[in-house]
């Protein structure tokens, strides 16, 4: 799960990359559409999507909630927590030594993912027909919406 304000900014850039939204599309207008689920109606709004699985699964033993912000804050702790969860669910062959987890973290770093997209992205199903001048992984930060969203957009998001 990720802060919906950051999700809105990321989703804006995703839609620009995919050619669904022009570069000049106002962020405030996009934010209103994001809240109303206008860009991906089959999944509903961010709130509907997240609330649906939190309501159905929270506090059940077969559910773990991972927050993007926690993964950014403590990248070693969260993969270890996920590995322990999977082992408790019966996936006993998870190699979760500190070295293996560090290797997984290195392989999934934003820098590595950008590098892979630059080299291989034209062949990937999800990116081959998108703009090559825009990368899927941009800043990969938590809290970036603080500088990307206007106060009215933040207010819209928070009231929704």
N, C-alpha and C. Protein backbone atom coordinates (compact mmCIF):
# COMPACT_ATOMS: atom_id res chain seq x y z
N UNK A 1 0.85 -1.16 0.00
CA UNK A 1 0.00 0.00 0.00
C UNK A 1 0.91 1.23 0.00
N UNK A 2 0.43 2.26 -0.67
CA UNK A 2 1.21 3.50 -0.76
C UNK A 2 0.29 4.69 -0.52
N UNK A 3 0.83 5.74 0.02
CA UNK A 3 0.10 6.98 0.25
C UNK A 3 -0.61 7.36 -1.05
N UNK A 4 -1.93 7.54 -1.02
CA UNK A 4 -2.66 7.81 -2.25
C UNK A 4 -2.26 9.11 -2.94
N UNK A 5 -1.73 10.06 -2.20
CA UNK A 5 -1.26 11.29 -2.84
C UNK A 5 -0.07 11.00 -3.74
N UNK A 6 0.84 10.14 -3.26
CA UNK A 6 1.98 9.73 -4.09
C UNK A 6 1.52 8.83 -5.23
N UNK A 7 0.52 7.98 -4.97
CA UNK A 7 -0.02 7.13 -6.03
C UNK A 7 -0.59 7.98 -7.15
N UNK A 8 -1.32 9.05 -6.81
CA UNK A 8 -1.92 9.91 -7.83
C UNK A 8 -0.84 10.53 -8.72
N UNK A 9 0.25 11.00 -8.13
CA UNK A 9 1.34 11.59 -8.91
C UNK A 9 1.98 10.53 -9.79
N UNK A 10 2.25 9.37 -9.23
CA UNK A 10 2.85 8.29 -10.00
C UNK A 10 1.94 7.85 -11.15
N UNK A 11 0.64 7.75 -10.86
CA UNK A 11 -0.32 7.31 -11.86
C UNK A 11 -0.47 8.35 -12.97
N UNK A 12 -0.34 9.62 -12.61
CA UNK A 12 -0.34 10.69 -13.62
C UNK A 12 0.79 10.44 -14.62
N UNK A 13 1.99 10.24 -14.11
CA UNK A 13 3.15 10.04 -14.98
C UNK A 13 3.04 8.72 -15.75
N UNK A 14 2.46 7.72 -15.15
CA UNK A 14 2.21 6.44 -15.85
C UNK A 14 1.30 6.69 -17.05
N UNK A 15 0.24 7.47 -16.85
CA UNK A 15 -0.69 7.75 -17.93
C UNK A 15 -0.07 8.63 -19.01
N UNK A 16 0.81 9.54 -18.64
CA UNK A 16 1.54 10.33 -19.63
C UNK A 16 2.44 9.40 -20.44
N UNK A 17 3.17 8.52 -19.78
CA UNK A 17 4.04 7.57 -20.47
C UNK A 17 3.25 6.69 -21.44
N UNK A 18 2.08 6.25 -21.01
CA UNK A 18 1.26 5.35 -21.82
C UNK A 18 0.54 6.07 -22.96
N UNK A 19 0.57 7.41 -22.94
CA UNK A 19 -0.09 8.18 -23.98
C UNK A 19 -1.58 8.39 -23.72
N UNK A 20 -2.03 8.09 -22.51
CA UNK A 20 -3.43 8.27 -22.15
C UNK A 20 -3.73 9.70 -21.70
N UNK A 21 -2.69 10.41 -21.30
CA UNK A 21 -2.83 11.76 -20.75
C UNK A 21 -1.76 12.63 -21.39
N UNK A 22 -2.12 13.80 -21.91
CA UNK A 22 -1.09 14.67 -22.48
C UNK A 22 -0.21 15.28 -21.39
N UNK A 23 1.01 15.63 -21.77
CA UNK A 23 1.94 16.26 -20.83
C UNK A 23 1.34 17.50 -20.17
N UNK A 24 0.49 18.20 -20.90
CA UNK A 24 -0.06 19.47 -20.42
C UNK A 24 -1.31 19.31 -19.56
N UNK A 25 -1.75 18.09 -19.33
CA UNK A 25 -2.98 17.87 -18.55
C UNK A 25 -2.78 18.41 -17.13
N UNK A 26 -3.67 19.27 -16.65
CA UNK A 26 -3.50 19.85 -15.31
C UNK A 26 -3.60 18.78 -14.20
N UNK A 27 -2.66 18.84 -13.29
CA UNK A 27 -2.63 17.86 -12.20
C UNK A 27 -3.90 17.91 -11.35
N UNK A 28 -4.44 19.09 -11.12
CA UNK A 28 -5.67 19.19 -10.31
C UNK A 28 -6.82 18.46 -11.00
N UNK A 29 -6.90 18.59 -12.30
CA UNK A 29 -7.95 17.89 -13.04
C UNK A 29 -7.69 16.38 -13.00
N UNK A 30 -6.44 15.99 -13.14
CA UNK A 30 -6.11 14.56 -13.06
C UNK A 30 -6.43 14.02 -11.68
N UNK A 31 -6.12 14.78 -10.64
CA UNK A 31 -6.39 14.34 -9.27
C UNK A 31 -7.87 14.07 -9.08
N UNK A 32 -8.71 14.94 -9.58
CA UNK A 32 -10.16 14.73 -9.47
C UNK A 32 -10.57 13.46 -10.20
N UNK A 33 -10.00 13.22 -11.37
CA UNK A 33 -10.28 11.99 -12.12
C UNK A 33 -9.75 10.75 -11.43
N UNK A 34 -8.60 10.89 -10.78
CA UNK A 34 -8.02 9.76 -10.03
C UNK A 34 -8.95 9.37 -8.88
N UNK A 35 -9.43 10.35 -8.16
CA UNK A 35 -10.34 10.09 -7.04
C UNK A 35 -11.61 9.41 -7.54
N UNK A 36 -12.10 9.83 -8.69
CA UNK A 36 -13.35 9.29 -9.25
C UNK A 36 -13.13 8.00 -10.06
N UNK A 37 -11.91 7.50 -10.11
CA UNK A 37 -11.58 6.27 -10.83
C UNK A 37 -11.87 6.37 -12.32
N UNK A 38 -11.66 7.54 -12.91
CA UNK A 38 -11.93 7.72 -14.33
C UNK A 38 -10.88 7.09 -15.23
N UNK A 39 -9.69 6.84 -14.72
CA UNK A 39 -8.60 6.36 -15.56
C UNK A 39 -8.49 4.84 -15.60
N UNK A 40 -9.05 4.17 -14.62
CA UNK A 40 -9.02 2.70 -14.59
C UNK A 40 -10.27 2.23 -13.86
N UNK A 41 -11.44 2.37 -14.49
CA UNK A 41 -12.70 2.12 -13.78
C UNK A 41 -12.91 0.67 -13.35
N UNK A 42 -12.24 -0.29 -13.98
CA UNK A 42 -12.48 -1.69 -13.57
C UNK A 42 -11.97 -1.98 -12.16
N UNK A 43 -11.01 -1.21 -11.67
CA UNK A 43 -10.48 -1.42 -10.32
C UNK A 43 -11.13 -0.51 -9.29
N UNK A 44 -11.87 0.47 -9.74
CA UNK A 44 -12.46 1.43 -8.81
C UNK A 44 -11.43 2.45 -8.37
N UNK A 45 -11.80 3.23 -7.40
CA UNK A 45 -10.88 4.25 -6.90
C UNK A 45 -9.81 3.59 -6.03
N UNK A 46 -8.76 4.35 -5.75
CA UNK A 46 -7.71 3.85 -4.85
C UNK A 46 -8.35 3.44 -3.53
N UNK A 47 -9.20 4.29 -3.01
CA UNK A 47 -9.86 4.01 -1.74
C UNK A 47 -10.69 2.74 -1.80
N UNK A 48 -11.52 2.58 -2.84
CA UNK A 48 -12.32 1.37 -2.99
C UNK A 48 -11.44 0.13 -3.04
N UNK A 49 -10.38 0.23 -3.83
CA UNK A 49 -9.48 -0.90 -4.01
C UNK A 49 -8.83 -1.31 -2.69
N UNK A 50 -8.24 -0.36 -2.00
CA UNK A 50 -7.54 -0.66 -0.75
C UNK A 50 -8.52 -1.09 0.34
N UNK A 51 -9.62 -0.38 0.48
CA UNK A 51 -10.59 -0.72 1.52
C UNK A 51 -11.14 -2.13 1.30
N UNK A 52 -11.31 -2.53 0.03
CA UNK A 52 -11.87 -3.86 -0.24
C UNK A 52 -11.00 -4.97 0.34
N UNK A 53 -9.69 -4.91 0.13
CA UNK A 53 -8.88 -6.00 0.68
C UNK A 53 -8.53 -5.80 2.14
N UNK A 54 -8.49 -4.57 2.61
CA UNK A 54 -8.28 -4.38 4.06
C UNK A 54 -9.48 -4.89 4.84
N UNK A 55 -10.68 -4.61 4.35
CA UNK A 55 -11.89 -5.05 5.04
C UNK A 55 -12.00 -6.57 5.05
N UNK A 56 -11.68 -7.19 3.94
CA UNK A 56 -11.84 -8.64 3.83
C UNK A 56 -10.73 -9.42 4.52
N UNK A 57 -9.54 -8.85 4.58
CA UNK A 57 -8.40 -9.67 5.01
C UNK A 57 -7.65 -9.20 6.25
N UNK A 58 -7.78 -7.96 6.62
CA UNK A 58 -7.02 -7.44 7.76
C UNK A 58 -7.25 -8.32 8.99
N UNK A 59 -6.24 -8.52 9.76
CA UNK A 59 -6.26 -9.31 10.98
C UNK A 59 -6.44 -10.81 10.74
N UNK A 60 -6.36 -11.24 9.51
CA UNK A 60 -6.38 -12.68 9.23
C UNK A 60 -4.95 -13.18 9.16
N UNK A 61 -4.72 -14.41 9.56
CA UNK A 61 -3.34 -14.92 9.57
C UNK A 61 -2.70 -15.01 8.18
N UNK A 62 -3.48 -15.14 7.12
CA UNK A 62 -2.92 -15.26 5.78
C UNK A 62 -2.81 -13.93 5.05
N UNK A 63 -2.65 -12.84 5.78
CA UNK A 63 -2.57 -11.51 5.17
C UNK A 63 -1.45 -10.72 5.83
N UNK A 64 -0.68 -10.06 5.03
CA UNK A 64 0.34 -9.14 5.54
C UNK A 64 0.22 -7.84 4.76
N UNK A 65 0.27 -6.74 5.46
CA UNK A 65 0.19 -5.43 4.84
C UNK A 65 1.60 -4.87 4.74
N UNK A 66 2.01 -4.56 3.54
CA UNK A 66 3.30 -3.92 3.30
C UNK A 66 3.03 -2.50 2.83
N UNK A 67 3.68 -1.56 3.45
CA UNK A 67 3.54 -0.16 3.06
C UNK A 67 4.80 0.30 2.35
N UNK A 68 4.60 0.96 1.24
CA UNK A 68 5.72 1.47 0.45
C UNK A 68 6.63 2.33 1.31
N UNK A 69 6.02 3.18 2.11
CA UNK A 69 6.79 4.10 2.95
C UNK A 69 7.67 3.34 3.94
N UNK A 70 7.17 2.22 4.47
CA UNK A 70 7.98 1.40 5.39
C UNK A 70 9.13 0.74 4.65
N UNK A 71 8.86 0.29 3.42
CA UNK A 71 9.93 -0.34 2.64
C UNK A 71 11.02 0.67 2.30
N UNK A 72 10.64 1.91 2.03
CA UNK A 72 11.64 2.94 1.75
C UNK A 72 12.42 3.30 3.01
N UNK A 73 11.72 3.37 4.15
CA UNK A 73 12.33 3.77 5.42
C UNK A 73 13.30 2.70 5.92
N UNK A 74 12.91 1.43 5.80
CA UNK A 74 13.72 0.34 6.34
C UNK A 74 13.72 -0.82 5.35
N UNK A 75 14.50 -0.69 4.26
CA UNK A 75 14.43 -1.68 3.20
C UNK A 75 14.88 -3.09 3.60
N UNK A 76 15.62 -3.24 4.67
CA UNK A 76 16.03 -4.58 5.10
C UNK A 76 14.94 -5.26 5.93
N UNK A 77 14.23 -4.48 6.72
CA UNK A 77 13.23 -5.06 7.63
C UNK A 77 12.03 -5.65 6.89
N UNK A 78 11.49 -4.92 5.92
CA UNK A 78 10.24 -5.34 5.27
C UNK A 78 10.38 -6.63 4.45
N UNK A 79 11.44 -6.81 3.65
CA UNK A 79 11.59 -8.10 2.96
C UNK A 79 11.78 -9.27 3.94
N UNK A 80 12.45 -9.03 5.05
CA UNK A 80 12.60 -10.08 6.06
C UNK A 80 11.24 -10.42 6.67
N UNK A 81 10.43 -9.41 6.89
CA UNK A 81 9.08 -9.63 7.42
C UNK A 81 8.23 -10.41 6.41
N UNK A 82 8.35 -10.07 5.14
CA UNK A 82 7.61 -10.78 4.10
C UNK A 82 8.08 -12.23 3.99
N UNK A 83 9.38 -12.45 4.03
CA UNK A 83 9.91 -13.82 3.96
C UNK A 83 9.42 -14.65 5.14
N UNK A 84 9.41 -14.09 6.33
CA UNK A 84 8.91 -14.80 7.51
C UNK A 84 7.43 -15.12 7.35
N UNK A 85 6.66 -14.18 6.83
CA UNK A 85 5.23 -14.41 6.59
C UNK A 85 5.03 -15.57 5.61
N UNK A 86 5.78 -15.56 4.50
CA UNK A 86 5.65 -16.63 3.51
C UNK A 86 6.05 -17.98 4.09
N UNK A 87 7.10 -18.00 4.89
CA UNK A 87 7.51 -19.26 5.53
C UNK A 87 6.42 -19.76 6.46
N UNK A 88 5.78 -18.85 7.21
CA UNK A 88 4.68 -19.24 8.10
C UNK A 88 3.46 -19.73 7.34
N UNK A 89 3.34 -19.32 6.08
CA UNK A 89 2.21 -19.75 5.24
C UNK A 89 2.52 -21.04 4.48
N UNK A 90 3.68 -21.64 4.74
CA UNK A 90 4.00 -22.91 4.12
C UNK A 90 5.02 -22.87 3.00
N UNK A 91 5.53 -21.72 2.68
CA UNK A 91 6.58 -21.63 1.66
C UNK A 91 7.93 -21.78 2.37
N UNK A 92 8.30 -23.01 2.64
CA UNK A 92 9.48 -23.27 3.45
C UNK A 92 10.81 -23.08 2.77
N UNK A 93 10.83 -22.97 1.45
CA UNK A 93 12.10 -22.86 0.73
C UNK A 93 12.52 -21.43 0.44
N UNK A 94 12.03 -20.50 1.22
CA UNK A 94 12.40 -19.09 1.05
C UNK A 94 13.79 -18.90 1.66
N UNK A 95 14.71 -18.49 0.82
CA UNK A 95 16.06 -18.21 1.32
C UNK A 95 16.07 -16.78 1.86
N UNK A 96 16.10 -16.66 3.16
CA UNK A 96 15.96 -15.33 3.76
C UNK A 96 17.16 -14.94 4.63
N UNK A 97 18.32 -15.41 4.24
CA UNK A 97 19.51 -14.96 4.96
C UNK A 97 19.69 -13.47 4.69
N UNK A 98 20.35 -12.77 5.57
CA UNK A 98 20.58 -11.34 5.31
C UNK A 98 21.25 -11.08 3.95
N UNK A 99 22.15 -11.98 3.55
CA UNK A 99 22.83 -11.80 2.26
C UNK A 99 21.85 -11.93 1.09
N UNK A 100 20.97 -12.93 1.15
CA UNK A 100 19.98 -13.14 0.08
C UNK A 100 19.00 -11.97 0.02
N UNK A 101 18.56 -11.51 1.18
CA UNK A 101 17.64 -10.38 1.20
C UNK A 101 18.30 -9.11 0.67
N UNK A 102 19.55 -8.89 1.02
CA UNK A 102 20.29 -7.72 0.52
C UNK A 102 20.44 -7.80 -1.00
N UNK A 103 20.69 -9.02 -1.50
CA UNK A 103 20.80 -9.20 -2.95
C UNK A 103 19.47 -8.89 -3.63
N UNK A 104 18.37 -9.34 -3.07
CA UNK A 104 17.04 -9.05 -3.62
C UNK A 104 16.77 -7.55 -3.62
N UNK A 105 17.16 -6.88 -2.54
CA UNK A 105 16.97 -5.43 -2.44
C UNK A 105 17.79 -4.73 -3.52
N UNK A 106 19.03 -5.16 -3.72
CA UNK A 106 19.88 -4.56 -4.75
C UNK A 106 19.28 -4.76 -6.15
N UNK A 107 18.76 -5.96 -6.41
CA UNK A 107 18.20 -6.26 -7.73
C UNK A 107 16.92 -5.48 -8.01
N UNK A 108 16.24 -5.05 -6.96
CA UNK A 108 14.98 -4.33 -7.17
C UNK A 108 15.10 -2.84 -6.86
N UNK A 109 16.30 -2.34 -6.82
CA UNK A 109 16.50 -0.91 -6.56
C UNK A 109 15.95 -0.09 -7.73
N UNK A 110 15.52 1.13 -7.46
CA UNK A 110 15.03 1.98 -8.56
C UNK A 110 16.09 2.17 -9.66
N UNK A 111 17.34 2.30 -9.27
CA UNK A 111 18.40 2.49 -10.25
C UNK A 111 18.49 1.28 -11.18
N UNK A 112 18.45 0.11 -10.59
CA UNK A 112 18.52 -1.13 -11.39
C UNK A 112 17.30 -1.27 -12.30
N UNK A 113 16.12 -0.97 -11.78
CA UNK A 113 14.91 -1.09 -12.60
C UNK A 113 14.92 -0.09 -13.75
N UNK A 114 15.43 1.11 -13.52
CA UNK A 114 15.55 2.10 -14.61
C UNK A 114 16.52 1.60 -15.67
N UNK A 115 17.64 1.06 -15.21
CA UNK A 115 18.65 0.52 -16.13
C UNK A 115 18.05 -0.60 -16.99
N UNK A 116 17.32 -1.50 -16.36
CA UNK A 116 16.69 -2.60 -17.10
C UNK A 116 15.67 -2.08 -18.10
N UNK A 117 14.88 -1.10 -17.69
CA UNK A 117 13.89 -0.56 -18.62
C UNK A 117 14.55 0.10 -19.82
N UNK A 118 15.63 0.83 -19.59
CA UNK A 118 16.33 1.47 -20.71
C UNK A 118 16.86 0.42 -21.68
N UNK A 119 17.35 -0.71 -21.17
CA UNK A 119 17.93 -1.75 -22.01
C UNK A 119 16.88 -2.66 -22.64
N UNK A 120 15.83 -2.99 -21.89
CA UNK A 120 14.91 -4.04 -22.32
C UNK A 120 13.47 -3.57 -22.52
N UNK A 121 13.14 -2.36 -22.11
CA UNK A 121 11.76 -1.89 -22.08
C UNK A 121 11.02 -1.96 -23.40
N UNK A 122 11.71 -1.80 -24.53
CA UNK A 122 11.03 -1.86 -25.83
C UNK A 122 10.50 -3.26 -26.10
N UNK A 123 11.00 -4.26 -25.41
CA UNK A 123 10.53 -5.63 -25.61
C UNK A 123 9.49 -6.10 -24.60
N UNK A 124 9.26 -5.33 -23.56
CA UNK A 124 8.30 -5.73 -22.53
C UNK A 124 6.88 -5.43 -22.98
N UNK A 125 5.97 -6.32 -22.70
CA UNK A 125 4.57 -6.16 -23.09
C UNK A 125 3.99 -4.85 -22.56
N UNK A 126 4.26 -4.53 -21.30
CA UNK A 126 3.64 -3.35 -20.69
C UNK A 126 4.28 -2.02 -21.09
N UNK A 127 5.46 -2.06 -21.67
CA UNK A 127 6.12 -0.79 -22.01
C UNK A 127 6.48 -0.65 -23.48
N UNK A 128 6.34 -1.69 -24.28
CA UNK A 128 6.82 -1.58 -25.67
C UNK A 128 6.06 -0.57 -26.51
N UNK A 129 4.82 -0.27 -26.17
CA UNK A 129 4.05 0.71 -26.94
C UNK A 129 3.85 2.02 -26.17
N UNK A 130 4.75 2.29 -25.23
CA UNK A 130 4.67 3.53 -24.46
C UNK A 130 5.83 4.44 -24.85
N UNK A 131 5.81 5.63 -24.33
CA UNK A 131 6.84 6.61 -24.65
C UNK A 131 8.19 6.19 -24.07
N UNK A 132 9.20 6.14 -24.93
CA UNK A 132 10.54 5.77 -24.49
C UNK A 132 11.22 6.90 -23.72
N UNK A 133 10.76 8.14 -23.90
CA UNK A 133 11.38 9.27 -23.22
C UNK A 133 10.91 9.40 -21.77
N UNK A 134 9.97 8.59 -21.35
CA UNK A 134 9.47 8.58 -19.97
C UNK A 134 9.73 7.20 -19.39
N UNK A 135 10.28 7.15 -18.18
CA UNK A 135 10.54 5.87 -17.53
C UNK A 135 9.42 5.52 -16.55
N UNK A 136 9.19 4.24 -16.38
CA UNK A 136 8.19 3.78 -15.40
C UNK A 136 8.61 4.18 -13.99
N UNK A 137 9.85 3.96 -13.67
CA UNK A 137 10.35 4.27 -12.33
C UNK A 137 10.97 5.67 -12.40
N UNK A 138 10.31 6.61 -11.76
CA UNK A 138 10.80 7.98 -11.79
C UNK A 138 11.63 8.26 -10.55
N UNK A 139 11.03 8.88 -9.55
CA UNK A 139 11.80 9.27 -8.36
C UNK A 139 11.86 8.16 -7.33
N UNK A 140 10.84 7.29 -7.29
CA UNK A 140 10.79 6.18 -6.34
C UNK A 140 10.97 6.67 -4.90
N UNK A 141 10.28 7.75 -4.58
CA UNK A 141 10.38 8.31 -3.23
C UNK A 141 9.04 8.21 -2.52
N UNK A 142 9.08 8.34 -1.25
CA UNK A 142 7.87 8.47 -0.44
C UNK A 142 7.72 9.93 -0.07
N UNK A 143 6.52 10.46 -0.23
CA UNK A 143 6.28 11.85 0.11
C UNK A 143 6.54 12.83 -1.00
N UNK A 144 6.81 12.35 -2.20
CA UNK A 144 7.08 13.23 -3.33
C UNK A 144 5.91 14.10 -3.72
N UNK A 145 4.73 13.68 -3.33
CA UNK A 145 3.54 14.47 -3.68
C UNK A 145 3.55 15.84 -3.00
N UNK A 146 4.33 15.98 -1.94
CA UNK A 146 4.39 17.26 -1.23
C UNK A 146 4.86 18.38 -2.13
N UNK A 147 5.68 18.05 -3.13
CA UNK A 147 6.16 19.07 -4.05
C UNK A 147 5.47 18.99 -5.41
N UNK A 148 4.67 17.96 -5.64
CA UNK A 148 4.02 17.78 -6.94
C UNK A 148 2.55 18.14 -6.96
N UNK A 149 1.89 18.09 -5.82
CA UNK A 149 0.46 18.38 -5.75
C UNK A 149 0.23 19.76 -5.15
N UNK A 150 -0.70 20.47 -5.73
CA UNK A 150 -1.08 21.78 -5.20
C UNK A 150 -1.91 21.59 -3.93
N UNK A 151 -2.00 22.62 -3.10
CA UNK A 151 -2.86 22.51 -1.90
C UNK A 151 -4.30 22.10 -2.23
N UNK A 152 -4.92 22.62 -3.31
CA UNK A 152 -6.28 22.14 -3.61
C UNK A 152 -6.33 20.65 -3.96
N UNK A 153 -5.30 20.15 -4.66
CA UNK A 153 -5.26 18.71 -4.97
C UNK A 153 -5.11 17.88 -3.71
N UNK A 154 -4.23 18.32 -2.81
CA UNK A 154 -4.05 17.62 -1.54
C UNK A 154 -5.36 17.62 -0.76
N UNK A 155 -6.03 18.76 -0.73
CA UNK A 155 -7.31 18.86 -0.01
C UNK A 155 -8.34 17.92 -0.61
N UNK A 156 -8.39 17.83 -1.94
CA UNK A 156 -9.31 16.90 -2.60
C UNK A 156 -9.03 15.47 -2.19
N UNK A 157 -7.74 15.12 -2.21
CA UNK A 157 -7.32 13.75 -1.87
C UNK A 157 -7.68 13.45 -0.43
N UNK A 158 -7.37 14.36 0.48
CA UNK A 158 -7.60 14.10 1.89
C UNK A 158 -9.09 14.05 2.24
N UNK A 159 -9.89 14.84 1.56
CA UNK A 159 -11.33 14.78 1.85
C UNK A 159 -11.97 13.52 1.28
N UNK A 160 -11.39 13.00 0.19
CA UNK A 160 -11.91 11.75 -0.40
C UNK A 160 -11.51 10.57 0.46
